[in-house]
C-alpha cells in the first residue's frame, strides 16, 4: 500500500499534443510527441507506444495526462521527458487518459 503522501509525490498534469512524429528507431512502434503543459511546465517531449488506436493526425490538438516529474529517459538518441498515461488492455493496446472536456494546460491531476 502507498500513502496519500506517496501518491502526492507523483505530479500528473494535463497537456495538449502540439506535434506527433514517427519514431522508426524505437523497438516497438511508437510516436515522438511534443506536448504543451502551459507556462509553468512548458513544452515537453515523450515517446508513446500508441500507434494501434491513434494516428499522428488525430493526436495533434488532443489533451492528455502525463507524469511530469520523472527523470528524462533516453530511448536511442531521443530523450523522453514525461510519461504519457493510458490504460492497457490484455493485448497491450493503449488508450490514452484524457480530460472529459477541454481544460487549461498544466492543471494538476489529484
Protein backbone atom coordinates (compact mmCIF):
# COMPACT_ATOMS: atom_id res chain seq x y z
CA UNK A 1 0.00 0.00 0.00
CA UNK A 2 1.06 3.58 -0.59
CA UNK A 3 0.10 6.59 1.45
CA UNK A 4 -1.55 9.76 0.23
CA UNK A 5 1.82 11.46 0.66
CA UNK A 6 3.37 8.86 -1.69
CA UNK A 7 0.65 9.48 -4.28
CA UNK A 8 1.05 13.25 -3.96
CA UNK A 9 4.74 12.95 -4.98
CA UNK A 10 3.62 11.86 -8.46
CA UNK A 11 2.97 15.02 -10.45
CA UNK A 12 0.37 14.40 -13.15
CA UNK A 13 -0.64 17.29 -15.40
CA UNK A 14 -2.83 17.96 -18.42
CA UNK A 15 -1.11 18.89 -21.66
CA UNK A 16 -2.02 19.34 -25.31
CA UNK A 17 -0.15 17.44 -28.02
CA UNK A 18 1.23 20.01 -30.46
CA UNK A 19 3.23 17.63 -32.67
CA UNK A 20 3.39 13.90 -33.32
CA UNK A 21 6.18 12.33 -35.35
CA UNK A 22 7.13 8.82 -36.37
CA UNK A 23 9.76 7.11 -34.23
CA UNK A 24 11.24 4.46 -36.54
CA UNK A 25 14.24 3.87 -34.23
CA UNK A 26 12.01 2.60 -31.40
CA UNK A 27 11.98 -1.15 -30.75
CA UNK A 28 8.16 -1.21 -30.72
CA UNK A 29 6.01 1.06 -32.92
CA UNK A 30 5.80 4.48 -31.28
CA UNK A 31 5.38 8.19 -31.85
CA UNK A 32 7.52 11.07 -30.64
CA UNK A 33 5.12 13.55 -29.03
CA UNK A 34 5.65 17.23 -28.31
CA UNK A 35 3.28 18.36 -25.56
CA UNK A 36 2.39 21.82 -24.27
CA UNK A 37 1.89 21.82 -20.48
CA UNK A 38 1.35 25.57 -20.18
CA UNK A 39 3.50 28.38 -18.83
CA UNK A 40 4.69 26.79 -15.58
CA UNK A 41 5.90 23.46 -17.04
CA UNK A 42 6.42 24.38 -20.69
CA UNK A 43 6.88 22.16 -23.74
CA UNK A 44 7.98 18.57 -23.09
CA UNK A 45 8.63 15.55 -25.30
CA UNK A 46 7.65 11.92 -24.86
CA UNK A 47 7.78 8.63 -26.69
CA UNK A 48 4.48 6.75 -26.68
CA UNK A 49 3.58 3.29 -27.97
CA UNK A 50 0.09 4.33 -29.07
CA UNK A 51 0.17 3.55 -32.81
CA UNK A 52 -2.67 0.99 -32.76
CA UNK A 53 -5.52 3.37 -31.88
CA UNK A 54 -4.03 6.72 -32.89
CA UNK A 55 -2.55 8.39 -35.95
CA UNK A 56 -0.21 11.38 -35.94
CA UNK A 57 -3.02 13.47 -37.39
CA UNK A 58 -5.63 12.65 -34.73
CA UNK A 59 -3.15 13.17 -31.88
CA UNK A 60 -2.36 16.82 -32.61
CA UNK A 61 -4.66 19.04 -30.53
CA UNK A 62 -5.65 16.19 -28.17
CA UNK A 63 -5.29 16.79 -24.45
CA UNK A 64 -3.62 14.04 -22.44
CA UNK A 65 -2.50 13.35 -18.89
CA UNK A 66 1.17 12.70 -18.13
CA UNK A 67 3.53 12.25 -15.21
CA UNK A 68 5.81 15.27 -15.38
CA UNK A 69 8.33 14.68 -12.59
CA UNK A 70 10.16 11.55 -13.74
CA UNK A 71 13.79 11.95 -14.78
CA UNK A 72 14.47 12.05 -18.53
CA UNK A 73 14.69 8.62 -20.14
CA UNK A 74 16.91 8.08 -23.15
CA UNK A 75 15.43 5.96 -25.92
CA UNK A 76 18.06 5.71 -28.63
CA UNK A 77 19.01 9.31 -29.48
CA UNK A 78 15.67 10.62 -28.14
CA UNK A 79 15.06 11.87 -24.59
CA UNK A 80 11.56 11.26 -23.20
CA UNK A 81 10.79 13.91 -20.55
CA UNK A 82 7.30 12.88 -19.40
CA UNK A 83 5.29 9.66 -19.16
CA UNK A 84 2.00 9.85 -21.07
CA UNK A 85 -0.66 7.83 -19.23
CA UNK A 86 -3.08 5.34 -20.71
CA UNK A 87 -4.96 2.16 -19.95
CA UNK A 88 -3.51 -1.03 -21.42
CA UNK A 89 -5.74 -3.92 -22.46
CA UNK A 90 -4.80 -7.62 -22.38
CA UNK A 91 -3.28 -7.35 -25.88
CA UNK A 92 -1.12 -4.36 -24.96
CA UNK A 93 -3.22 -1.76 -26.79
CA UNK A 94 -3.02 1.64 -25.07
CA UNK A 95 -5.97 4.02 -24.74
CA UNK A 96 -4.85 7.49 -23.66
CA UNK A 97 -6.14 9.05 -20.45
CA UNK A 98 -7.58 12.48 -21.13
CA UNK A 99 -9.91 15.03 -19.53
CA UNK A 100 -13.62 14.68 -20.34
CA UNK A 101 -13.61 18.24 -21.66
CA UNK A 102 -11.12 20.95 -22.63
CA UNK A 103 -9.19 22.29 -19.63
CA UNK A 104 -6.22 24.60 -19.11
CA UNK A 105 -2.84 23.11 -19.96
CA UNK A 106 -0.75 22.42 -16.87
CA UNK A 107 -3.62 21.69 -14.49
CA UNK A 108 -2.54 19.14 -11.91
CA UNK A 109 -4.37 15.85 -11.52
CA UNK A 110 -5.07 14.96 -7.90
